[in-house]
Amino acid sequence: MGACSHETDTIVTPGLALALESVLPGWRQLMRRWWCAEQRSRLRMLAPRVVWVRDGEKVPWAFWGAEHGFFELEWAYHLPYLRAAATVV
C-alpha cells in the first residue's frame, strides 16, 4: 500500500505550538522541510512505489515539497500521492 502510517504521529497542541514559536521562530517551516525530506527518503527506499498522503493537514506540505523538488505530487481521484522525483543525468 505504501501508506505513511506515522505521518500523523507528530501532533502539536495549540499551547505547545505557541511555546515552540516563542522559543524557535520558524519551527513550522523546519517541520515541513523535515517531513518532505523524510518522505523523499521513504520513496528512495521503496522505489518505484508511492507514498499516499492521507493526512489532509500534510497536503499543503506535499505541494510545497513538490515545488521544491523533494518529490513529485500526483493524484488518484481525490487522494494525493508522492512519487520519487525524476533524476536528471
PDB file of N, CA and C in Angstrom:
ATOM      1  N   MET A   1       0.799  -1.203   0.000  1.00  0.00           N
ATOM      2  CA  MET A   1       0.000   0.000   0.000  1.00  0.00           C
ATOM      3  C   MET A   1       0.838   1.262   0.000  1.00  0.00           C
ATOM      4  N   GLY A   2       1.939   1.266   0.715  1.00  0.00           N
ATOM      5  CA  GLY A   2       2.794   2.439   0.730  1.00  0.00           C
ATOM      6  C   GLY A   2       2.259   3.573   1.591  1.00  0.00           C
ATOM      7  N   ALA A   3       1.265   3.308   2.430  1.00  0.00           N
ATOM      8  CA  ALA A   3       0.685   4.360   3.262  1.00  0.00           C
ATOM      9  C   ALA A   3       1.679   4.789   4.323  1.00  0.00           C
ATOM     10  N   CYS A   4       1.664   6.035   4.613  1.00  0.00           N
ATOM     11  CA  CYS A   4       2.545   6.585   5.637  1.00  0.00           C
ATOM     12  C   CYS A   4       1.818   6.517   6.965  1.00  0.00           C
ATOM     13  N   SER A   5       2.024   5.441   7.701  1.00  0.00           N
ATOM     14  CA  SER A   5       1.266   5.222   8.924  1.00  0.00           C
ATOM     15  C   SER A   5       1.685   6.145  10.054  1.00  0.00           C
ATOM     16  N   HIS A   6       2.905   6.670  10.003  1.00  0.00           N
ATOM     17  CA  HIS A   6       3.362   7.509  11.101  1.00  0.00           C
ATOM     18  C   HIS A   6       3.289   8.993  10.790  1.00  0.00           C
ATOM     19  N   GLU A   7       2.651   9.378   9.704  1.00  0.00           N
ATOM     20  CA  GLU A   7       2.633  10.788   9.340  1.00  0.00           C
ATOM     21  C   GLU A   7       1.792  11.634  10.285  1.00  0.00           C
ATOM     22  N   THR A   8       0.888  11.039  11.052  1.00  0.00           N
ATOM     23  CA  THR A   8       0.078  11.813  11.990  1.00  0.00           C
ATOM     24  C   THR A   8       0.582  11.667  13.423  1.00  0.00           C
ATOM     25  N   ASP A   9       1.731  10.990  13.622  1.00  0.00           N
ATOM     26  CA  ASP A   9       2.254  10.791  14.962  1.00  0.00           C
ATOM     27  C   ASP A   9       2.674  12.094  15.624  1.00  0.00           C
ATOM     28  N   THR A  10       3.079  13.076  14.843  1.00  0.00           N
ATOM     29  CA  THR A  10       3.545  14.343  15.379  1.00  0.00           C
ATOM     30  C   THR A  10       2.355  15.281  15.525  1.00  0.00           C
ATOM     31  N   ILE A  11       1.703  15.221  16.677  1.00  0.00           N
ATOM     32  CA  ILE A  11       0.561  16.079  16.940  1.00  0.00           C
ATOM     33  C   ILE A  11       1.014  17.167  17.902  1.00  0.00           C
ATOM     34  N   VAL A  12       0.841  18.400  17.493  1.00  0.00           N
ATOM     35  CA  VAL A  12       1.255  19.539  18.307  1.00  0.00           C
ATOM     36  C   VAL A  12       0.010  20.263  18.772  1.00  0.00           C
ATOM     37  N   THR A  13      -0.152  20.363  20.081  1.00  0.00           N
ATOM     38  CA  THR A  13      -1.294  21.075  20.643  1.00  0.00           C
ATOM     39  C   THR A  13      -1.100  22.573  20.460  1.00  0.00           C
ATOM     40  N   PRO A  14      -2.187  23.337  20.485  1.00  0.00           N
ATOM     41  CA  PRO A  14      -2.049  24.795  20.317  1.00  0.00           C
ATOM     42  C   PRO A  14      -1.113  25.431  21.346  1.00  0.00           C
ATOM     43  N   GLY A  15      -1.159  24.971  22.585  1.00  0.00           N
ATOM     44  CA  GLY A  15      -0.273  25.525  23.607  1.00  0.00           C
ATOM     45  C   GLY A  15       1.189  25.240  23.308  1.00  0.00           C
ATOM     46  N   LEU A  16       1.457  24.016  22.876  1.00  0.00           N
ATOM     47  CA  LEU A  16       2.826  23.652  22.518  1.00  0.00           C
ATOM     48  C   LEU A  16       3.280  24.429  21.295  1.00  0.00           C
ATOM     49  N   ALA A  17       2.380  24.653  20.350  1.00  0.00           N
ATOM     50  CA  ALA A  17       2.718  25.413  19.149  1.00  0.00           C
ATOM     51  C   ALA A  17       3.144  26.839  19.522  1.00  0.00           C
ATOM     52  N   LEU A  18       2.409  27.467  20.436  1.00  0.00           N
ATOM     53  CA  LEU A  18       2.777  28.819  20.872  1.00  0.00           C
ATOM     54  C   LEU A  18       4.121  28.826  21.575  1.00  0.00           C
ATOM     55  N   ALA A  19       4.355  27.830  22.422  1.00  0.00           N
ATOM     56  CA  ALA A  19       5.633  27.743  23.128  1.00  0.00           C
ATOM     57  C   ALA A  19       6.782  27.544  22.146  1.00  0.00           C
ATOM     58  N   LEU A  20       6.595  26.652  21.192  1.00  0.00           N
ATOM     59  CA  LEU A  20       7.633  26.412  20.191  1.00  0.00           C
ATOM     60  C   LEU A  20       7.918  27.660  19.363  1.00  0.00           C
ATOM     61  N   GLU A  21       6.866  28.377  18.988  1.00  0.00           N
ATOM     62  CA  GLU A  21       7.043  29.575  18.169  1.00  0.00           C
ATOM     63  C   GLU A  21       7.820  30.648  18.930  1.00  0.00           C
ATOM     64  N   SER A  22       7.610  30.741  20.245  1.00  0.00           N
ATOM     65  CA  SER A  22       8.341  31.748  21.019  1.00  0.00           C
ATOM     66  C   SER A  22       9.800  31.348  21.227  1.00  0.00           C
ATOM     67  N   VAL A  23      10.063  30.066  21.353  1.00  0.00           N
ATOM     68  CA  VAL A  23      11.433  29.595  21.574  1.00  0.00           C
ATOM     69  C   VAL A  23      12.200  29.438  20.260  1.00  0.00           C
ATOM     70  N   LEU A  24      11.499  28.924  19.241  1.00  0.00           N
ATOM     71  CA  LEU A  24      12.154  28.632  17.962  1.00  0.00           C
ATOM     72  C   LEU A  24      11.307  29.174  16.813  1.00  0.00           C
ATOM     73  N   PRO A  25      11.471  30.475  16.511  1.00  0.00           N
ATOM     74  CA  PRO A  25      10.701  31.036  15.402  1.00  0.00           C
ATOM     75  C   PRO A  25      10.987  30.258  14.114  1.00  0.00           C
ATOM     76  N   GLY A  26       9.949  30.016  13.354  1.00  0.00           N
ATOM     77  CA  GLY A  26      10.114  29.289  12.103  1.00  0.00           C
ATOM     78  C   GLY A  26      10.088  27.780  12.251  1.00  0.00           C
ATOM     79  N   TRP A  27       9.663  27.265  13.409  1.00  0.00           N
ATOM     80  CA  TRP A  27       9.672  25.815  13.618  1.00  0.00           C
ATOM     81  C   TRP A  27       8.725  25.094  12.659  1.00  0.00           C
ATOM     82  N   ARG A  28       7.637  25.746  12.261  1.00  0.00           N
ATOM     83  CA  ARG A  28       6.713  25.090  11.319  1.00  0.00           C
ATOM     84  C   ARG A  28       7.395  24.839   9.974  1.00  0.00           C
ATOM     85  N   GLN A  29       8.185  25.803   9.522  1.00  0.00           N
ATOM     86  CA  GLN A  29       8.907  25.630   8.264  1.00  0.00           C
ATOM     87  C   GLN A  29       9.937  24.512   8.383  1.00  0.00           C
ATOM     88  N   LEU A  30      10.581  24.428   9.550  1.00  0.00           N
ATOM     89  CA  LEU A  30      11.539  23.348   9.777  1.00  0.00           C
ATOM     90  C   LEU A  30      10.852  21.991   9.776  1.00  0.00           C
ATOM     91  N   MET A  31       9.690  21.919  10.418  1.00  0.00           N
ATOM     92  CA  MET A  31       8.943  20.658  10.439  1.00  0.00           C
ATOM     93  C   MET A  31       8.492  20.271   9.040  1.00  0.00           C
ATOM     94  N   ARG A  32       8.060  21.230   8.228  1.00  0.00           N
ATOM     95  CA  ARG A  32       7.629  20.952   6.863  1.00  0.00           C
ATOM     96  C   ARG A  32       8.800  20.399   6.048  1.00  0.00           C
ATOM     97  N   ARG A  33       9.950  21.051   6.145  1.00  0.00           N
ATOM     98  CA  ARG A  33      11.136  20.597   5.410  1.00  0.00           C
ATOM     99  C   ARG A  33      11.555  19.202   5.880  1.00  0.00           C
ATOM    100  N   TRP A  34      11.519  18.967   7.191  1.00  0.00           N
ATOM    101  CA  TRP A  34      11.870  17.650   7.731  1.00  0.00           C
ATOM    102  C   TRP A  34      10.918  16.593   7.192  1.00  0.00           C
ATOM    103  N   TRP A  35       9.602  16.879   7.182  1.00  0.00           N
ATOM    104  CA  TRP A  35       8.605  15.927   6.691  1.00  0.00           C
ATOM    105  C   TRP A  35       8.868  15.607   5.219  1.00  0.00           C
ATOM    106  N   CYS A  36       9.136  16.622   4.429  1.00  0.00           N
ATOM    107  CA  CYS A  36       9.400  16.421   2.999  1.00  0.00           C
ATOM    108  C   CYS A  36      10.659  15.576   2.796  1.00  0.00           C
ATOM    109  N   ALA A  37      11.701  15.855   3.551  1.00  0.00           N
ATOM    110  CA  ALA A  37      12.934  15.072   3.433  1.00  0.00           C
ATOM    111  C   ALA A  37      12.692  13.622   3.850  1.00  0.00           C
ATOM    112  N   GLU A  38      11.890  13.415   4.884  1.00  0.00           N
ATOM    113  CA  GLU A  38      11.565  12.054   5.326  1.00  0.00           C
ATOM    114  C   GLU A  38      10.789  11.295   4.249  1.00  0.00           C
ATOM    115  N   GLN A  39       9.839  11.959   3.609  1.00  0.00           N
ATOM    116  CA  GLN A  39       9.063  11.306   2.547  1.00  0.00           C
ATOM    117  C   GLN A  39       9.970  10.977   1.359  1.00  0.00           C
ATOM    118  N   ARG A  40      10.883  11.883   1.023  1.00  0.00           N
ATOM    119  CA  ARG A  40      11.820  11.629  -0.072  1.00  0.00           C
ATOM    120  C   ARG A  40      12.676  10.404   0.241  1.00  0.00           C
ATOM    121  N   SER A  41      13.136  10.277   1.481  1.00  0.00           N
ATOM    122  CA  SER A  41      13.929   9.110   1.876  1.00  0.00           C
ATOM    123  C   SER A  41      13.114   7.833   1.769  1.00  0.00           C
ATOM    124  N   ARG A  42      11.855   7.876   2.196  1.00  0.00           N
ATOM    125  CA  ARG A  42      10.988   6.699   2.100  1.00  0.00           C
ATOM    126  C   ARG A  42      10.782   6.299   0.650  1.00  0.00           C
ATOM    127  N   LEU A  43      10.628   7.285  -0.229  1.00  0.00           N
ATOM    128  CA  LEU A  43      10.430   6.986  -1.645  1.00  0.00           C
ATOM    129  C   LEU A  43      11.678   6.353  -2.253  1.00  0.00           C
ATOM    130  N   ARG A  44      12.825   6.785  -1.841  1.00  0.00           N
ATOM    131  CA  ARG A  44      14.069   6.199  -2.350  1.00  0.00           C
ATOM    132  C   ARG A  44      14.201   4.754  -1.904  1.00  0.00           C
ATOM    133  N   MET A  45      13.760   4.448  -0.688  1.00  0.00           N
ATOM    134  CA  MET A  45      13.840   3.081  -0.182  1.00  0.00           C
ATOM    135  C   MET A  45      12.796   2.184  -0.828  1.00  0.00           C
ATOM    136  N   LEU A  46      11.651   2.740  -1.194  1.00  0.00           N
ATOM    137  CA  LEU A  46      10.543   1.955  -1.725  1.00  0.00           C
ATOM    138  C   LEU A  46      10.484   1.950  -3.249  1.00  0.00           C
ATOM    139  N   ALA A  47      11.422   2.611  -3.910  1.00  0.00           N
ATOM    140  CA  ALA A  47      11.362   2.806  -5.359  1.00  0.00           C
ATOM    141  C   ALA A  47      10.970   1.518  -6.073  1.00  0.00           C
ATOM    142  N   PRO A  48      10.085   1.597  -7.034  1.00  0.00           N
ATOM    143  CA  PRO A  48       9.403   2.760  -7.598  1.00  0.00           C
ATOM    144  C   PRO A  48       8.013   2.973  -7.023  1.00  0.00           C
ATOM    145  N   ARG A  49       7.771   2.614  -5.809  1.00  0.00           N
ATOM    146  CA  ARG A  49       6.449   2.722  -5.207  1.00  0.00           C
ATOM    147  C   ARG A  49       6.082   4.162  -4.884  1.00  0.00           C
ATOM    148  N   VAL A  50       4.913   4.328  -4.300  1.00  0.00           N
ATOM    149  CA  VAL A  50       4.405   5.657  -3.965  1.00  0.00           C
ATOM    150  C   VAL A  50       4.129   5.747  -2.468  1.00  0.00           C
ATOM    151  N   VAL A  51       3.988   6.969  -1.986  1.00  0.00           N
ATOM    152  CA  VAL A  51       3.576   7.240  -0.609  1.00  0.00           C
ATOM    153  C   VAL A  51       2.280   8.028  -0.688  1.00  0.00           C
ATOM    154  N   TRP A  52       1.237   7.489  -0.118  1.00  0.00           N
ATOM    155  CA  TRP A  52      -0.068   8.158  -0.108  1.00  0.00           C
ATOM    156  C   TRP A  52      -0.086   9.216   0.981  1.00  0.00           C
ATOM    157  N   VAL A  53      -0.679  10.356   0.687  1.00  0.00           N
ATOM    158  CA  VAL A  53      -0.814  11.442   1.670  1.00  0.00           C
ATOM    159  C   VAL A  53      -2.254  11.406   2.159  1.00  0.00           C
ATOM    160  N   ARG A  54      -2.465  10.764   3.291  1.00  0.00           N
ATOM    161  CA  ARG A  54      -3.819  10.587   3.826  1.00  0.00           C
ATOM    162  C   ARG A  54      -4.190  11.650   4.854  1.00  0.00           C
ATOM    163  N   ASP A  55      -3.225  12.333   5.379  1.00  0.00           N
ATOM    164  CA  ASP A  55      -3.460  13.380   6.373  1.00  0.00           C
ATOM    165  C   ASP A  55      -3.702  14.690   5.633  1.00  0.00           C
ATOM    166  N   GLY A  56      -4.928  15.197   5.692  1.00  0.00           N
ATOM    167  CA  GLY A  56      -5.285  16.423   4.978  1.00  0.00           C
ATOM    168  C   GLY A  56      -4.438  17.623   5.354  1.00  0.00           C
ATOM    169  N   GLU A  57      -3.930  17.650   6.584  1.00  0.00           N
ATOM    170  CA  GLU A  57      -3.093  18.771   7.006  1.00  0.00           C
ATOM    171  C   GLU A  57      -1.718  18.737   6.341  1.00  0.00           C
ATOM    172  N   LYS A  58      -1.317  17.589   5.825  1.00  0.00           N
ATOM    173  CA  LYS A  58       0.001  17.473   5.182  1.00  0.00           C
ATOM    174  C   LYS A  58      -0.057  17.762   3.684  1.00  0.00           C
ATOM    175  N   VAL A  59      -1.244  17.905   3.110  1.00  0.00           N
ATOM    176  CA  VAL A  59      -1.355  18.165   1.667  1.00  0.00           C
ATOM    177  C   VAL A  59      -0.638  19.460   1.275  1.00  0.00           C
ATOM    178  N   PRO A  60      -0.809  20.569   2.014  1.00  0.00           N
ATOM    179  CA  PRO A  60      -0.046  21.775   1.650  1.00  0.00           C
ATOM    180  C   PRO A  60       1.462  21.545   1.716  1.00  0.00           C
ATOM    181  N   TRP A  61       1.910  20.712   2.664  1.00  0.00           N
ATOM    182  CA  TRP A  61       3.327  20.390   2.756  1.00  0.00           C
ATOM    183  C   TRP A  61       3.754  19.590   1.527  1.00  0.00           C
ATOM    184  N   ALA A  62       2.895  18.698   1.066  1.00  0.00           N
ATOM    185  CA  ALA A  62       3.205  17.908  -0.125  1.00  0.00           C
ATOM    186  C   ALA A  62       3.336  18.816  -1.353  1.00  0.00           C
ATOM    187  N   PHE A  63       2.442  19.804  -1.480  1.00  0.00           N
ATOM    188  CA  PHE A  63       2.554  20.767  -2.579  1.00  0.00           C
ATOM    189  C   PHE A  63       3.892  21.504  -2.503  1.00  0.00           C
ATOM    190  N   TRP A  64       4.246  21.971  -1.312  1.00  0.00           N
ATOM    191  CA  TRP A  64       5.492  22.693  -1.118  1.00  0.00           C
ATOM    192  C   TRP A  64       6.682  21.808  -1.477  1.00  0.00           C
ATOM    193  N   GLY A  65       6.675  20.574  -0.999  1.00  0.00           N
ATOM    194  CA  GLY A  65       7.777  19.651  -1.280  1.00  0.00           C
ATOM    195  C   GLY A  65       7.929  19.376  -2.762  1.00  0.00           C
ATOM    196  N   ALA A  66       6.806  19.241  -3.468  1.00  0.00           N
ATOM    197  CA  ALA A  66       6.859  19.015  -4.915  1.00  0.00           C
ATOM    198  C   ALA A  66       7.422  20.242  -5.630  1.00  0.00           C
ATOM    199  N   GLU A  67       7.018  21.431  -5.186  1.00  0.00           N
ATOM    200  CA  GLU A  67       7.514  22.666  -5.793  1.00  0.00           C
ATOM    201  C   GLU A  67       9.012  22.861  -5.565  1.00  0.00           C
ATOM    202  N   HIS A  68       9.534  22.279  -4.491  1.00  0.00           N
ATOM    203  CA  HIS A  68      10.945  22.441  -4.151  1.00  0.00           C
ATOM    204  C   HIS A  68      11.779  21.210  -4.501  1.00  0.00           C
ATOM    205  N   GLY A  69      11.229  20.305  -5.301  1.00  0.00           N
ATOM    206  CA  GLY A  69      11.999  19.185  -5.837  1.00  0.00           C
ATOM    207  C   GLY A  69      12.229  17.998  -4.927  1.00  0.00           C
ATOM    208  N   PHE A  70      11.521  17.907  -3.807  1.00  0.00           N
ATOM    209  CA  PHE A  70      11.686  16.760  -2.921  1.00  0.00           C
ATOM    210  C   PHE A  70      11.111  15.492  -3.544  1.00  0.00           C
ATOM    211  N   PHE A  71      10.011  15.638  -4.270  1.00  0.00           N
ATOM    212  CA  PHE A  71       9.298  14.514  -4.872  1.00  0.00           C
ATOM    213  C   PHE A  71       8.300  15.067  -5.870  1.00  0.00           C
ATOM    214  N   GLU A  72       7.585  14.189  -6.552  1.00  0.00           N
ATOM    215  CA  GLU A  72       6.506  14.594  -7.452  1.00  0.00           C
ATOM    216  C   GLU A  72       5.178  14.304  -6.772  1.00  0.00           C
ATOM    217  N   LEU A  73       4.215  15.175  -6.957  1.00  0.00           N
ATOM    218  CA  LEU A  73       2.887  15.029  -6.372  1.00  0.00           C
ATOM    219  C   LEU A  73       1.907  14.697  -7.492  1.00  0.00           C
ATOM    220  N   GLU A  74       1.173  13.613  -7.315  1.00  0.00           N
ATOM    221  CA  GLU A  74       0.172  13.204  -8.288  1.00  0.00           C
ATOM    222  C   GLU A  74      -1.116  12.876  -7.550  1.00  0.00           C
ATOM    223  N   TRP A  75      -2.186  12.663  -8.306  1.00  0.00           N
ATOM    224  CA  TRP A  75      -3.496  12.437  -7.706  1.00  0.00           C
ATOM    225  C   TRP A  75      -4.138  11.178  -8.268  1.00  0.00           C
ATOM    226  N   ALA A  76      -4.803  10.434  -7.396  1.00  0.00           N
ATOM    227  CA  ALA A  76      -5.658   9.322  -7.783  1.00  0.00           C
ATOM    228  C   ALA A  76      -7.049   9.723  -7.305  1.00  0.00           C
ATOM    229  N   TYR A  77      -7.825  10.270  -8.214  1.00  0.00           N
ATOM    230  CA  TYR A  77      -9.114  10.871  -7.876  1.00  0.00           C
ATOM    231  C   TYR A  77      -8.880  11.988  -6.866  1.00  0.00           C
ATOM    232  N   HIS A  78      -9.343  11.864  -5.630  1.00  0.00           N
ATOM    233  CA  HIS A  78      -9.184  12.938  -4.644  1.00  0.00           C
ATOM    234  C   HIS A  78      -8.044  12.684  -3.670  1.00  0.00           C
ATOM    235  N   LEU A  79      -7.317  11.598  -3.856  1.00  0.00           N
ATOM    236  CA  LEU A  79      -6.263  11.244  -2.909  1.00  0.00           C
ATOM    237  C   LEU A  79      -4.885  11.520  -3.514  1.00  0.00           C
ATOM    238  N   PRO A  80      -4.121  12.422  -2.879  1.00  0.00           N
ATOM    239  CA  PRO A  80      -2.783  12.717  -3.411  1.00  0.00           C
ATOM    240  C   PRO A  80      -1.774  11.635  -3.020  1.00  0.00           C
ATOM    241  N   TYR A  81      -0.790  11.460  -3.878  1.00  0.00           N
ATOM    242  CA  TYR A  81       0.305  10.557  -3.549  1.00  0.00           C
ATOM    243  C   TYR A  81       1.611  11.128  -4.076  1.00  0.00           C
ATOM    244  N   LEU A  82       2.709  10.663  -3.477  1.00  0.00           N
ATOM    245  CA  LEU A  82       4.034  11.149  -3.824  1.00  0.00           C
ATOM    246  C   LEU A  82       4.774  10.078  -4.585  1.00  0.00           C
ATOM    247  N   ARG A  83       5.568  10.516  -5.554  1.00  0.00           N
ATOM    248  CA  ARG A  83       6.455   9.640  -6.310  1.00  0.00           C
ATOM    249  C   ARG A  83       7.856  10.234  -6.239  1.00  0.00           C
ATOM    250  N   ALA A  84       8.838   9.380  -6.344  1.00  0.00           N
ATOM    251  CA  ALA A  84      10.211   9.877  -6.349  1.00  0.00           C
ATOM    252  C   ALA A  84      10.394  10.845  -7.519  1.00  0.00           C
ATOM    253  N   ALA A  85      11.086  11.922  -7.271  1.00  0.00           N
ATOM    254  CA  ALA A  85      11.349  12.907  -8.329  1.00  0.00           C
ATOM    255  C   ALA A  85      12.276  12.284  -9.359  1.00  0.00           C
ATOM    256  N   ALA A  86      11.999  12.580 -10.611  1.00  0.00           N
ATOM    257  CA  ALA A  86      12.864  12.083 -11.684  1.00  0.00           C
ATOM    258  C   ALA A  86      14.244  12.703 -11.544  1.00  0.00           C
ATOM    259  N   THR A  87      15.258  11.889 -11.684  1.00  0.00           N
ATOM    260  CA  THR A  87      16.626  12.411 -11.579  1.00  0.00           C
ATOM    261  C   THR A  87      17.138  12.770 -12.958  1.00  0.00           C
ATOM    262  N   VAL A  88      17.822  13.886 -13.025  1.00  0.00           N
ATOM    263  CA  VAL A  88      18.391  14.343 -14.288  1.00  0.00           C
ATOM    264  C   VAL A  88      19.831  13.847 -14.358  1.00  0.00           C
ATOM    265  N   VAL A  89      20.148  13.138 -15.416  1.00  0.00           N
ATOM    266  CA  VAL A  89      21.501  12.575 -15.554  1.00  0.00           C
ATOM    267  C   VAL A  89      22.300  13.380 -16.537  1.00  0.00           C
TER     268      VAL A  89
END
